[in-house]
PDB file of N, CA and C in Angstrom:
ATOM      1  N   UNK A   1     144.462  68.061  87.537  1.00  0.00           N
ATOM      2  CA  UNK A   1     143.420  67.116  86.872  1.00  0.00           C
ATOM      3  C   UNK A   1     142.984  66.210  87.862  1.00  0.00           C
ATOM      4  N   UNK A   2     141.807  65.740  87.668  1.00  0.00           N
ATOM      5  CA  UNK A   2     140.937  64.862  88.447  1.00  0.00           C
ATOM      6  C   UNK A   2     141.480  63.407  87.981  1.00  0.00           C
ATOM      7  N   UNK A   3     141.633  62.634  88.839  1.00  0.00           N
ATOM      8  CA  UNK A   3     142.253  61.503  89.084  1.00  0.00           C
ATOM      9  C   UNK A   3     141.455  60.130  89.841  1.00  0.00           C
ATOM     10  N   UNK A   4     141.272  59.359  89.305  1.00  0.00           N
ATOM     11  CA  UNK A   4     140.552  57.889  90.024  1.00  0.00           C
ATOM     12  C   UNK A   4     141.396  57.102  90.279  1.00  0.00           C
ATOM     13  N   UNK A   5     141.605  56.764  91.591  1.00  0.00           N
ATOM     14  CA  UNK A   5     142.325  55.799  92.397  1.00  0.00           C
ATOM     15  C   UNK A   5     141.174  54.468  92.413  1.00  0.00           C
ATOM     16  N   UNK A   6     141.776  53.402  91.952  1.00  0.00           N
ATOM     17  CA  UNK A   6     141.280  52.249  92.156  1.00  0.00           C
ATOM     18  C   UNK A   6     141.859  51.222  93.304  1.00  0.00           C
ATOM     19  N   UNK A   7     140.986  51.299  94.354  1.00  0.00           N
ATOM     20  CA  UNK A   7     141.643  50.658  95.553  1.00  0.00           C
ATOM     21  C   UNK A   7     141.058  49.106  95.931  1.00  0.00           C
ATOM     22  N   UNK A   8     141.743  48.394  96.156  1.00  0.00           N
ATOM     23  CA  UNK A   8     141.325  46.820  96.420  1.00  0.00           C
ATOM     24  C   UNK A   8     141.081  46.877  98.275  1.00  0.00           C
ATOM     25  N   UNK A   9     139.956  46.247  98.096  1.00  0.00           N
ATOM     26  CA  UNK A   9     139.437  45.994  99.568  1.00  0.00           C
ATOM     27  C   UNK A   9     139.109  44.712  99.923  1.00  0.00           C
ATOM     28  N   UNK A  10     139.228  44.041 101.329  1.00  0.00           N
ATOM     29  CA  UNK A  10     138.555  42.841 101.596  1.00  0.00           C
ATOM     30  C   UNK A  10     137.124  43.085 101.657  1.00  0.00           C
ATOM     31  N   UNK A  11     136.541  42.083 101.252  1.00  0.00           N
ATOM     32  CA  UNK A  11     134.782  42.403 101.173  1.00  0.00           C
ATOM     33  C   UNK A  11     134.408  41.878 102.505  1.00  0.00           C
ATOM     34  N   UNK A  12     134.497  42.757 103.504  1.00  0.00           N
ATOM     35  CA  UNK A  12     134.032  42.612 104.974  1.00  0.00           C
ATOM     36  C   UNK A  12     133.546  44.118 105.296  1.00  0.00           C
ATOM     37  N   UNK A  13     132.744  44.027 106.312  1.00  0.00           N
ATOM     38  CA  UNK A  13     132.250  45.294 106.962  1.00  0.00           C
ATOM     39  C   UNK A  13     133.245  46.115 107.375  1.00  0.00           C
ATOM     40  N   UNK A  14     133.473  47.645 107.004  1.00  0.00           N
ATOM     41  CA  UNK A  14     134.316  48.420 107.647  1.00  0.00           C
ATOM     42  C   UNK A  14     135.685  48.736 106.829  1.00  0.00           C
ATOM     43  N   UNK A  15     135.775  47.955 105.683  1.00  0.00           N
ATOM     44  CA  UNK A  15     137.127  48.526 104.915  1.00  0.00           C
ATOM     45  C   UNK A  15     137.084  49.783 104.229  1.00  0.00           C
ATOM     46  N   UNK A  16     135.631  49.858 103.607  1.00  0.00           N
ATOM     47  CA  UNK A  16     135.444  51.186 102.967  1.00  0.00           C
ATOM     48  C   UNK A  16     135.577  52.534 103.946  1.00  0.00           C
ATOM     49  N   UNK A  17     135.145  52.130 105.179  1.00  0.00           N
ATOM     50  CA  UNK A  17     134.952  53.076 106.397  1.00  0.00           C
ATOM     51  C   UNK A  17     136.679  53.410 106.521  1.00  0.00           C
ATOM     52  N   UNK A  18     137.283  52.407 106.648  1.00  0.00           N
ATOM     53  CA  UNK A  18     138.748  52.681 106.954  1.00  0.00           C
ATOM     54  C   UNK A  18     139.463  53.469 106.172  1.00  0.00           C
ATOM     55  N   UNK A  19     139.232  53.321 104.727  1.00  0.00           N
ATOM     56  CA  UNK A  19     139.944  53.891 103.901  1.00  0.00           C
ATOM     57  C   UNK A  19     139.172  55.463 103.614  1.00  0.00           C
ATOM     58  N   UNK A  20     138.201  55.774 103.816  1.00  0.00           N
ATOM     59  CA  UNK A  20     137.624  57.022 103.813  1.00  0.00           C
ATOM     60  C   UNK A  20     137.982  57.981 105.212  1.00  0.00           C
ATOM     61  N   UNK A  21     137.908  57.018 106.310  1.00  0.00           N
ATOM     62  CA  UNK A  21     138.492  57.625 107.680  1.00  0.00           C
ATOM     63  C   UNK A  21     139.882  58.244 107.305  1.00  0.00           C
ATOM     64  N   UNK A  22     140.658  57.375 106.830  1.00  0.00           N
ATOM     65  CA  UNK A  22     142.058  57.610 106.913  1.00  0.00           C
ATOM     66  C   UNK A  22     142.462  58.774 106.022  1.00  0.00           C
ATOM     67  N   UNK A  23     141.608  59.022 104.809  1.00  0.00           N
ATOM     68  CA  UNK A  23     141.770  60.259 103.987  1.00  0.00           C
ATOM     69  C   UNK A  23     141.132  61.399 104.437  1.00  0.00           C
ATOM     70  N   UNK A  24     140.097  61.306 105.319  1.00  0.00           N
ATOM     71  CA  UNK A  24     139.432  62.438 106.048  1.00  0.00           C
ATOM     72  C   UNK A  24     140.313  62.825 107.097  1.00  0.00           C
ATOM     73  N   UNK A  25     140.997  62.017 107.851  1.00  0.00           N
ATOM     74  CA  UNK A  25     141.812  62.557 108.838  1.00  0.00           C
ATOM     75  C   UNK A  25     142.945  63.232 108.228  1.00  0.00           C
ATOM     76  N   UNK A  26     143.454  62.950 107.070  1.00  0.00           N
ATOM     77  CA  UNK A  26     144.658  63.544 106.609  1.00  0.00           C
ATOM     78  C   UNK A  26     144.262  64.960 105.516  1.00  0.00           C
ATOM     79  N   UNK A  27     142.852  65.157 105.724  1.00  0.00           N
ATOM     80  CA  UNK A  27     142.594  66.291 104.963  1.00  0.00           C
ATOM     81  C   UNK A  27     142.463  66.184 103.607  1.00  0.00           C
ATOM     82  N   UNK A  28     142.114  65.118 103.101  1.00  0.00           N
ATOM     83  CA  UNK A  28     142.062  64.844 101.597  1.00  0.00           C
ATOM     84  C   UNK A  28     140.445  64.528 101.106  1.00  0.00           C
ATOM     85  N   UNK A  29     139.987  65.531 100.266  1.00  0.00           N
ATOM     86  CA  UNK A  29     138.670  65.452 100.060  1.00  0.00           C
ATOM     87  C   UNK A  29     138.514  64.341  98.969  1.00  0.00           C
ATOM     88  N   UNK A  30     137.381  63.584  99.080  1.00  0.00           N
ATOM     89  CA  UNK A  30     136.989  62.727  98.118  1.00  0.00           C
ATOM     90  C   UNK A  30     135.945  63.379  97.321  1.00  0.00           C
ATOM     91  N   UNK A  31     136.260  63.555  96.006  1.00  0.00           N
ATOM     92  CA  UNK A  31     135.211  64.490  95.313  1.00  0.00           C
ATOM     93  C   UNK A  31     134.013  63.574  94.700  1.00  0.00           C
ATOM     94  N   UNK A  32     134.163  62.299  94.637  1.00  0.00           N
ATOM     95  CA  UNK A  32     133.238  61.234  94.324  1.00  0.00           C
ATOM     96  C   UNK A  32     134.000  59.820  94.379  1.00  0.00           C
ATOM     97  N   UNK A  33     133.003  58.810  94.132  1.00  0.00           N
ATOM     98  CA  UNK A  33     133.498  57.391  94.625  1.00  0.00           C
ATOM     99  C   UNK A  33     132.414  56.590  93.990  1.00  0.00           C
ATOM    100  N   UNK A  34     132.726  55.249  94.102  1.00  0.00           N
ATOM    101  CA  UNK A  34     131.620  54.105  93.884  1.00  0.00           C
ATOM    102  C   UNK A  34     132.512  52.855  94.255  1.00  0.00           C
ATOM    103  N   UNK A  35     131.685  52.007  94.714  1.00  0.00           N
ATOM    104  CA  UNK A  35     132.453  50.851  95.375  1.00  0.00           C
ATOM    105  C   UNK A  35     131.351  49.603  95.023  1.00  0.00           C
ATOM    106  N   UNK A  36     132.060  48.567  94.820  1.00  0.00           N
ATOM    107  CA  UNK A  36     131.218  47.255  94.597  1.00  0.00           C
ATOM    108  C   UNK A  36     132.185  46.080  94.867  1.00  0.00           C
ATOM    109  N   UNK A  37     131.255  45.026  95.427  1.00  0.00           N
ATOM    110  CA  UNK A  37     132.018  43.541  95.812  1.00  0.00           C
ATOM    111  C   UNK A  37     131.716  42.796  94.555  1.00  0.00           C
ATOM    112  N   UNK A  38     132.933  41.956  94.207  1.00  0.00           N
ATOM    113  CA  UNK A  38     132.952  41.228  93.345  1.00  0.00           C
ATOM    114  C   UNK A  38     133.661  39.838  93.590  1.00  0.00           C
ATOM    115  N   UNK A  39     133.241  38.443  93.679  1.00  0.00           N
ATOM    116  CA  UNK A  39     133.925  37.280  93.948  1.00  0.00           C
ATOM    117  C   UNK A  39     134.597  37.553  95.195  1.00  0.00           C
ATOM    118  N   UNK A  40     133.964  37.968  96.427  1.00  0.00           N
ATOM    119  CA  UNK A  40     134.958  38.241  97.492  1.00  0.00           C
ATOM    120  C   UNK A  40     135.948  39.438  97.564  1.00  0.00           C
ATOM    121  N   UNK A  41     135.994  40.203  96.502  1.00  0.00           N
ATOM    122  CA  UNK A  41     136.822  41.250  96.587  1.00  0.00           C
ATOM    123  C   UNK A  41     136.163  42.463  96.536  1.00  0.00           C
ATOM    124  N   UNK A  42     136.592  43.761  97.340  1.00  0.00           N
ATOM    125  CA  UNK A  42     136.019  44.961  97.239  1.00  0.00           C
ATOM    126  C   UNK A  42     136.703  45.723  96.379  1.00  0.00           C
ATOM    127  N   UNK A  43     135.941  46.537  95.633  1.00  0.00           N
ATOM    128  CA  UNK A  43     136.563  47.614  94.566  1.00  0.00           C
ATOM    129  C   UNK A  43     136.071  48.704  94.847  1.00  0.00           C
ATOM    130  N   UNK A  44     137.197  49.787  95.174  1.00  0.00           N
ATOM    131  CA  UNK A  44     136.482  51.421  95.686  1.00  0.00           C
ATOM    132  C   UNK A  44     137.049  52.008  94.739  1.00  0.00           C
ATOM    133  N   UNK A  45     136.563  52.841  93.924  1.00  0.00           N
ATOM    134  CA  UNK A  45     137.180  53.976  92.952  1.00  0.00           C
ATOM    135  C   UNK A  45     136.873  55.292  93.766  1.00  0.00           C
ATOM    136  N   UNK A  46     137.796  55.916  93.857  1.00  0.00           N
ATOM    137  CA  UNK A  46     137.720  57.374  94.333  1.00  0.00           C
ATOM    138  C   UNK A  46     138.331  58.552  93.529  1.00  0.00           C
ATOM    139  N   UNK A  47     137.649  59.841  93.492  1.00  0.00           N
ATOM    140  CA  UNK A  47     138.191  60.720  92.739  1.00  0.00           C
ATOM    141  C   UNK A  47     138.818  61.394  93.527  1.00  0.00           C
ATOM    142  N   UNK A  48     139.999  62.076  93.002  1.00  0.00           N
ATOM    143  CA  UNK A  48     140.631  62.968  94.329  1.00  0.00           C
ATOM    144  C   UNK A  48     141.582  63.861  93.143  1.00  0.00           C
ATOM    145  N   UNK A  49     141.961  65.013  93.845  1.00  0.00           N
ATOM    146  CA  UNK A  49     142.827  66.143  93.098  1.00  0.00           C
ATOM    147  C   UNK A  49     144.482  65.958  93.339  1.00  0.00           C
ATOM    148  N   UNK A  50     144.708  65.239  94.349  1.00  0.00           N
ATOM    149  CA  UNK A  50     145.893  65.201  94.718  1.00  0.00           C
ATOM    150  C   UNK A  50     146.166  63.551  94.882  1.00  0.00           C
ATOM    151  N   UNK A  51     146.660  63.118  93.841  1.00  0.00           N
ATOM    152  CA  UNK A  51     146.603  61.397  93.743  1.00  0.00           C
ATOM    153  C   UNK A  51     147.848  60.878  94.518  1.00  0.00           C
ATOM    154  N   UNK A  52     149.044  61.643  94.347  1.00  0.00           N
ATOM    155  CA  UNK A  52     150.180  61.264  95.029  1.00  0.00           C
ATOM    156  C   UNK A  52     149.947  61.141  96.544  1.00  0.00           C
ATOM    157  N   UNK A  53     149.405  62.320  97.197  1.00  0.00           N
ATOM    158  CA  UNK A  53     149.058  62.312  98.538  1.00  0.00           C
ATOM    159  C   UNK A  53     148.026  61.084  99.019  1.00  0.00           C
ATOM    160  N   UNK A  54     146.940  61.040  98.306  1.00  0.00           N
ATOM    161  CA  UNK A  54     145.969  60.041  98.499  1.00  0.00           C
ATOM    162  C   UNK A  54     146.299  58.723  98.268  1.00  0.00           C
ATOM    163  N   UNK A  55     147.221  58.571  97.436  1.00  0.00           N
ATOM    164  CA  UNK A  55     147.969  57.074  97.440  1.00  0.00           C
ATOM    165  C   UNK A  55     148.700  56.698  98.404  1.00  0.00           C
ATOM    166  N   UNK A  56     149.526  57.432  98.788  1.00  0.00           N
ATOM    167  CA  UNK A  56     150.232  57.632  99.924  1.00  0.00           C
ATOM    168  C   UNK A  56     149.503  57.095 101.281  1.00  0.00           C
ATOM    169  N   UNK A  57     148.483  57.911 101.698  1.00  0.00           N
ATOM    170  CA  UNK A  57     147.668  57.823 102.825  1.00  0.00           C
ATOM    171  C   UNK A  57     147.093  56.321 102.687  1.00  0.00           C
ATOM    172  N   UNK A  58     146.500  56.084 101.617  1.00  0.00           N
ATOM    173  CA  UNK A  58     145.673  54.830 101.517  1.00  0.00           C
ATOM    174  C   UNK A  58     146.693  53.566 101.659  1.00  0.00           C
ATOM    175  N   UNK A  59     147.780  53.835 101.167  1.00  0.00           N
ATOM    176  CA  UNK A  59     148.767  52.660 101.334  1.00  0.00           C
ATOM    177  C   UNK A  59     149.514  52.628 102.435  1.00  0.00           C
ATOM    178  N   UNK A  60     149.445  53.647 103.345  1.00  0.00           N
ATOM    179  CA  UNK A  60     150.029  53.771 104.629  1.00  0.00           C
ATOM    180  C   UNK A  60     148.760  53.117 105.466  1.00  0.00           C
ATOM    181  N   UNK A  61     147.488  53.321 105.174  1.00  0.00           N
ATOM    182  CA  UNK A  61     146.891  52.580 105.890  1.00  0.00           C
ATOM    183  C   UNK A  61     146.414  51.001 105.675  1.00  0.00           C
ATOM    184  N   UNK A  62     147.527  50.558 104.947  1.00  0.00           N
ATOM    185  CA  UNK A  62     147.344  49.175 104.613  1.00  0.00           C
ATOM    186  C   UNK A  62     146.405  48.701 103.507  1.00  0.00           C
ATOM    187  N   UNK A  63     146.278  49.537 102.655  1.00  0.00           N
ATOM    188  CA  UNK A  63     145.467  49.089 101.355  1.00  0.00           C
ATOM    189  C   UNK A  63     146.288  49.145  99.986  1.00  0.00           C
ATOM    190  N   UNK A  64     145.595  48.380  99.140  1.00  0.00           N
ATOM    191  CA  UNK A  64     146.423  48.357  97.911  1.00  0.00           C
ATOM    192  C   UNK A  64     145.756  49.287  96.647  1.00  0.00           C
ATOM    193  N   UNK A  65     146.384  50.113  96.084  1.00  0.00           N
ATOM    194  CA  UNK A  65     146.113  51.033  95.103  1.00  0.00           C
ATOM    195  C   UNK A  65     146.396  50.308  93.915  1.00  0.00           C
ATOM    196  N   UNK A  66     145.202  49.467  93.450  1.00  0.00           N
ATOM    197  CA  UNK A  66     145.752  48.859  91.823  1.00  0.00           C
ATOM    198  C   UNK A  66     145.769  49.642  90.901  1.00  0.00           C
ATOM    199  N   UNK A  67     145.357  50.740  90.796  1.00  0.00           N
ATOM    200  CA  UNK A  67     145.582  51.761  89.498  1.00  0.00           C
ATOM    201  C   UNK A  67     145.286  53.112  90.013  1.00  0.00           C
ATOM    202  N   UNK A  68     145.717  53.929  89.183  1.00  0.00           N
ATOM    203  CA  UNK A  68     145.608  55.458  89.222  1.00  0.00           C
ATOM    204  C   UNK A  68     145.581  55.923  87.722  1.00  0.00           C
ATOM    205  N   UNK A  69     144.682  56.675  87.373  1.00  0.00           N
ATOM    206  CA  UNK A  69     144.419  57.250  86.022  1.00  0.00           C
ATOM    207  C   UNK A  69     143.695  58.521  86.010  1.00  0.00           C
ATOM    208  N   UNK A  70     143.970  59.410  85.206  1.00  0.00           N
ATOM    209  CA  UNK A  70     143.246  60.475  84.804  1.00  0.00           C
ATOM    210  C   UNK A  70     142.004  60.229  84.290  1.00  0.00           C
ATOM    211  N   UNK A  71     140.832  60.972  84.626  1.00  0.00           N
ATOM    212  CA  UNK A  71     139.367  60.656  84.138  1.00  0.00           C
ATOM    213  C   UNK A  71     138.997  62.190  83.721  1.00  0.00           C
ATOM    214  N   UNK A  72     137.676  62.114  83.010  1.00  0.00           N
ATOM    215  CA  UNK A  72     137.039  63.311  82.524  1.00  0.00           C
ATOM    216  C   UNK A  72     135.991  63.547  83.339  1.00  0.00           C
ATOM    217  N   UNK A  73     135.791  64.688  84.131  1.00  0.00           N
ATOM    218  CA  UNK A  73     134.822  65.211  84.954  1.00  0.00           C
ATOM    219  C   UNK A  73     133.957  66.232  84.170  1.00  0.00           C
ATOM    220  N   UNK A  74     132.653  65.822  84.061  1.00  0.00           N
ATOM    221  CA  UNK A  74     131.667  66.804  83.285  1.00  0.00           C
ATOM    222  C   UNK A  74     130.813  67.368  84.117  1.00  0.00           C
ATOM    223  N   UNK A  75     130.321  68.707  84.083  1.00  0.00           N
ATOM    224  CA  UNK A  75     129.171  69.112  84.767  1.00  0.00           C
ATOM    225  C   UNK A  75     128.201  68.886  83.869  1.00  0.00           C
ATOM    226  N   UNK A  76     127.002  68.283  84.436  1.00  0.00           N
ATOM    227  CA  UNK A  76     125.938  67.943  83.733  1.00  0.00           C
ATOM    228  C   UNK A  76     124.669  68.666  84.216  1.00  0.00           C
ATOM    229  N   UNK A  77     123.604  68.749  83.427  1.00  0.00           N
ATOM    230  CA  UNK A  77     122.369  68.868  84.055  1.00  0.00           C
ATOM    231  C   UNK A  77     121.540  67.823  84.735  1.00  0.00           C
ATOM    232  N   UNK A  78     121.231  68.056  85.721  1.00  0.00           N
ATOM    233  CA  UNK A  78     120.236  66.710  86.439  1.00  0.00           C
ATOM    234  C   UNK A  78     118.956  66.693  85.925  1.00  0.00           C
ATOM    235  N   UNK A  79     118.967  66.037  84.762  1.00  0.00           N
ATOM    236  CA  UNK A  79     117.515  65.794  84.205  1.00  0.00           C
ATOM    237  C   UNK A  79     117.487  64.489  83.490  1.00  0.00           C
ATOM    238  N   UNK A  80     116.426  64.071  83.110  1.00  0.00           N
ATOM    239  CA  UNK A  80     116.447  62.646  82.249  1.00  0.00           C
ATOM    240  C   UNK A  80     117.029  62.830  81.020  1.00  0.00           C
ATOM    241  N   UNK A  81     117.717  61.944  80.636  1.00  0.00           N
ATOM    242  CA  UNK A  81     118.393  61.705  79.210  1.00  0.00           C
ATOM    243  C   UNK A  81     119.727  62.451  79.205  1.00  0.00           C
ATOM    244  N   UNK A  82     120.329  62.963  80.199  1.00  0.00           N
ATOM    245  CA  UNK A  82     121.709  63.913  80.012  1.00  0.00           C
ATOM    246  C   UNK A  82     122.793  62.922  79.930  1.00  0.00           C
ATOM    247  N   UNK A  83     123.088  61.842  80.710  1.00  0.00           N
ATOM    248  CA  UNK A  83     123.899  60.798  80.607  1.00  0.00           C
ATOM    249  C   UNK A  83     123.844  60.200  79.299  1.00  0.00           C
ATOM    250  N   UNK A  84     122.533  59.879  78.952  1.00  0.00           N
ATOM    251  CA  UNK A  84     122.483  59.179  77.635  1.00  0.00           C
ATOM    252  C   UNK A  84     123.154  60.150  76.564  1.00  0.00           C
ATOM    253  N   UNK A  85     123.035  61.507  76.309  1.00  0.00           N
ATOM    254  CA  UNK A  85     123.506  62.343  75.483  1.00  0.00           C
ATOM    255  C   UNK A  85     124.838  62.414  75.322  1.00  0.00           C
ATOM    256  N   UNK A  86     125.483  62.462  76.631  1.00  0.00           N
ATOM    257  CA  UNK A  86     126.853  62.347  76.904  1.00  0.00           C
ATOM    258  C   UNK A  86     127.550  61.027  76.071  1.00  0.00           C
ATOM    259  N   UNK A  87     126.701  59.956  76.786  1.00  0.00           N
ATOM    260  CA  UNK A  87     127.512  58.449  76.251  1.00  0.00           C
ATOM    261  C   UNK A  87     127.422  58.434  74.772  1.00  0.00           C
ATOM    262  N   UNK A  88     126.298  59.038  74.318  1.00  0.00           N
ATOM    263  CA  UNK A  88     126.046  58.980  72.649  1.00  0.00           C
ATOM    264  C   UNK A  88     127.390  59.833  71.775  1.00  0.00           C
ATOM    265  N   UNK A  89     127.557  60.908  72.342  1.00  0.00           N
ATOM    266  CA  UNK A  89     128.675  61.555  71.822  1.00  0.00           C
ATOM    267  C   UNK A  89     129.841  60.728  71.858  1.00  0.00           C
ATOM    268  N   UNK A  90     130.165  60.123  72.854  1.00  0.00           N
ATOM    269  CA  UNK A  90     131.443  59.427  73.016  1.00  0.00           C
ATOM    270  C   UNK A  90     131.321  58.309  71.805  1.00  0.00           C
ATOM    271  N   UNK A  91     130.276  57.351  72.077  1.00  0.00           N
ATOM    272  CA  UNK A  91     129.996  56.361  71.245  1.00  0.00           C
ATOM    273  C   UNK A  91     130.105  56.599  69.444  1.00  0.00           C
ATOM    274  N   UNK A  92     129.382  57.820  69.256  1.00  0.00           N
ATOM    275  CA  UNK A  92     129.610  58.295  67.951  1.00  0.00           C
ATOM    276  C   UNK A  92     130.987  58.386  67.483  1.00  0.00           C
ATOM    277  N   UNK A  93     131.924  58.925  68.421  1.00  0.00           N
ATOM    278  CA  UNK A  93     133.166  59.244  68.164  1.00  0.00           C
ATOM    279  C   UNK A  93     134.042  58.098  68.437  1.00  0.00           C
ATOM    280  N   UNK A  94     133.611  56.788  68.553  1.00  0.00           N
ATOM    281  CA  UNK A  94     134.219  55.602  68.654  1.00  0.00           C
ATOM    282  C   UNK A  94     135.081  55.678  70.215  1.00  0.00           C
ATOM    283  N   UNK A  95     134.743  56.500  71.135  1.00  0.00           N
ATOM    284  CA  UNK A  95     135.481  56.383  72.456  1.00  0.00           C
ATOM    285  C   UNK A  95     134.672  55.535  73.442  1.00  0.00           C
ATOM    286  N   UNK A  96     135.050  54.563  73.893  1.00  0.00           N
ATOM    287  CA  UNK A  96     134.711  53.641  74.726  1.00  0.00           C
ATOM    288  C   UNK A  96     134.727  54.140  76.392  1.00  0.00           C
ATOM    289  N   UNK A  97     133.676  54.156  77.102  1.00  0.00           N
ATOM    290  CA  UNK A  97     133.405  54.423  78.287  1.00  0.00           C
ATOM    291  C   UNK A  97     133.682  53.126  79.000  1.00  0.00           C
ATOM    292  N   UNK A  98     134.701  53.283  79.802  1.00  0.00           N
ATOM    293  CA  UNK A  98     134.827  51.744  80.821  1.00  0.00           C
ATOM    294  C   UNK A  98     134.738  52.166  82.260  1.00  0.00           C
ATOM    295  N   UNK A  99     134.282  53.334  82.760  1.00  0.00           N
ATOM    296  CA  UNK A  99     134.063  53.681  84.077  1.00  0.00           C
ATOM    297  C   UNK A  99     133.311  54.754  84.106  1.00  0.00           C
ATOM    298  N   UNK A 100     132.089  54.828  84.775  1.00  0.00           N
ATOM    299  CA  UNK A 100     131.344  56.038  84.954  1.00  0.00           C
ATOM    300  C   UNK A 100     130.731  55.940  86.292  1.00  0.00           C
ATOM    301  N   UNK A 101     130.792  57.045  86.960  1.00  0.00           N
ATOM    302  CA  UNK A 101     130.260  57.061  88.191  1.00  0.00           C
ATOM    303  C   UNK A 101     129.821  58.754  88.720  1.00  0.00           C
ATOM    304  N   UNK A 102     128.958  59.037  89.692  1.00  0.00           N
ATOM    305  CA  UNK A 102     128.508  60.409  89.981  1.00  0.00           C
ATOM    306  C   UNK A 102     129.661  60.808  90.910  1.00  0.00           C
ATOM    307  N   UNK A 103     129.812  62.001  91.011  1.00  0.00           N
ATOM    308  CA  UNK A 103     130.736  62.729  91.592  1.00  0.00           C
ATOM    309  C   UNK A 103     129.975  63.857  92.411  1.00  0.00           C
ATOM    310  N   UNK A 104     130.434  64.553  93.470  1.00  0.00           N
ATOM    311  CA  UNK A 104     129.706  65.677  93.996  1.00  0.00           C
ATOM    312  C   UNK A 104     129.240  66.698  93.100  1.00  0.00           C
ATOM    313  N   UNK A 105     128.085  67.298  93.507  1.00  0.00           N
ATOM    314  CA  UNK A 105     127.334  68.314  92.575  1.00  0.00           C
ATOM    315  C   UNK A 105     126.523  67.474  91.580  1.00  0.00           C
ATOM    316  N   UNK A 106     126.643  68.041  90.436  1.00  0.00           N
ATOM    317  CA  UNK A 106     125.936  67.335  89.011  1.00  0.00           C
ATOM    318  C   UNK A 106     126.899  67.165  88.138  1.00  0.00           C
ATOM    319  N   UNK A 107     127.926  66.231  88.779  1.00  0.00           N
ATOM    320  CA  UNK A 107     129.133  65.917  88.106  1.00  0.00           C
ATOM    321  C   UNK A 107     129.128  64.381  87.690  1.00  0.00           C
ATOM    322  N   UNK A 108     129.686  63.883  86.558  1.00  0.00           N
ATOM    323  CA  UNK A 108     129.768  62.611  86.172  1.00  0.00           C
ATOM    324  C   UNK A 108     131.339  62.416  85.965  1.00  0.00           C
ATOM    325  N   UNK A 109     131.747  61.373  86.234  1.00  0.00           N
ATOM    326  CA  UNK A 109     133.259  60.758  86.034  1.00  0.00           C
ATOM    327  C   UNK A 109     133.094  59.965  85.027  1.00  0.00           C
ATOM    328  N   UNK A 110     134.021  60.083  83.961  1.00  0.00           N
ATOM    329  CA  UNK A 110     134.046  59.192  83.058  1.00  0.00           C
ATOM    330  C   UNK A 110     135.703  58.592  82.740  1.00  0.00           C
ATOM    331  N   UNK A 111     135.825  57.260  82.650  1.00  0.00           N
ATOM    332  CA  UNK A 111     137.024  56.809  82.460  1.00  0.00           C
ATOM    333  C   UNK A 111     136.835  56.326  80.926  1.00  0.00           C
ATOM    334  N   UNK A 112     137.909  56.781  80.280  1.00  0.00           N
ATOM    335  CA  UNK A 112     137.636  56.586  78.834  1.00  0.00           C
ATOM    336  C   UNK A 112     138.872  55.874  78.035  1.00  0.00           C
ATOM    337  N   UNK A 113     138.536  55.195  77.110  1.00  0.00           N
ATOM    338  CA  UNK A 113     139.810  54.325  76.672  1.00  0.00           C
ATOM    339  C   UNK A 113     140.816  55.303  75.420  1.00  0.00           C
ATOM    340  N   UNK A 114     140.101  56.544  75.340  1.00  0.00           N
ATOM    341  CA  UNK A 114     140.838  57.586  74.669  1.00  0.00           C
ATOM    342  C   UNK A 114     140.463  58.862  75.328  1.00  0.00           C
ATOM    343  N   UNK A 115     141.031  59.220  76.468  1.00  0.00           N
ATOM    344  CA  UNK A 115     140.696  60.531  76.984  1.00  0.00           C
ATOM    345  C   UNK A 115     140.866  61.615  76.437  1.00  0.00           C
ATOM    346  N   UNK A 116     142.058  61.914  75.412  1.00  0.00           N
ATOM    347  CA  UNK A 116     142.319  63.063  74.612  1.00  0.00           C
ATOM    348  C   UNK A 116     141.272  63.052  73.570  1.00  0.00           C
ATOM    349  N   UNK A 117     140.896  62.160  72.945  1.00  0.00           N
ATOM    350  CA  UNK A 117     139.735  62.262  71.948  1.00  0.00           C
ATOM    351  C   UNK A 117     138.482  62.584  72.714  1.00  0.00           C
ATOM    352  N   UNK A 118     138.068  61.958  74.019  1.00  0.00           N
ATOM    353  CA  UNK A 118     136.993  62.208  74.470  1.00  0.00           C
ATOM    354  C   UNK A 118     136.691  63.684  75.028  1.00  0.00           C
ATOM    355  N   UNK A 119     138.005  64.260  75.249  1.00  0.00           N
ATOM    356  CA  UNK A 119     137.893  65.706  75.504  1.00  0.00           C
ATOM    357  C   UNK A 119     137.536  66.742  74.431  1.00  0.00           C
ATOM    358  N   UNK A 120     137.864  65.972  72.997  1.00  0.00           N
ATOM    359  CA  UNK A 120     137.515  67.017  71.983  1.00  0.00           C
ATOM    360  C   UNK A 120     136.122  66.825  71.653  1.00  0.00           C
ATOM    361  N   UNK A 121     135.483  65.719  71.933  1.00  0.00           N
ATOM    362  CA  UNK A 121     134.220  65.134  71.652  1.00  0.00           C
ATOM    363  C   UNK A 121     133.180  66.028  72.467  1.00  0.00           C
ATOM    364  N   UNK A 122     133.429  66.643  73.698  1.00  0.00           N
ATOM    365  CA  UNK A 122     132.870  67.312  74.553  1.00  0.00           C
ATOM    366  C   UNK A 122     132.906  68.822  74.320  1.00  0.00           C
ATOM    367  N   UNK A 123     133.963  69.215  73.629  1.00  0.00           N
ATOM    368  CA  UNK A 123     134.417  70.667  73.690  1.00  0.00           C
ATOM    369  C   UNK A 123     133.424  71.188  72.753  1.00  0.00           C
TER     370      UNK A 123
END
């Protein structure tokens, strides 16, 4: 199952590179990611298939993993309106999207307040 790790970083040049380099050296693929800074803190989300190993590597590199959660990863067509269609299906079912980012290929990562219900909406 695809898992999103939320990693806390210092908001300074190089911290994201350090995390990604540590994972790369250990042979862990990052299937998707997003990052931003807010009030002096960097937040990095990474999509991984082996969260136990990835978490260990990140923490051994000196970074804090704030959270780990399963996410829904959908293949979507790369054309205008596709994200809106998927988001509308979740909304109409009362499922809240609290995280969304693009992964490798034409895939979108969704963090949902009700993952199981979200899966049924898409099937």
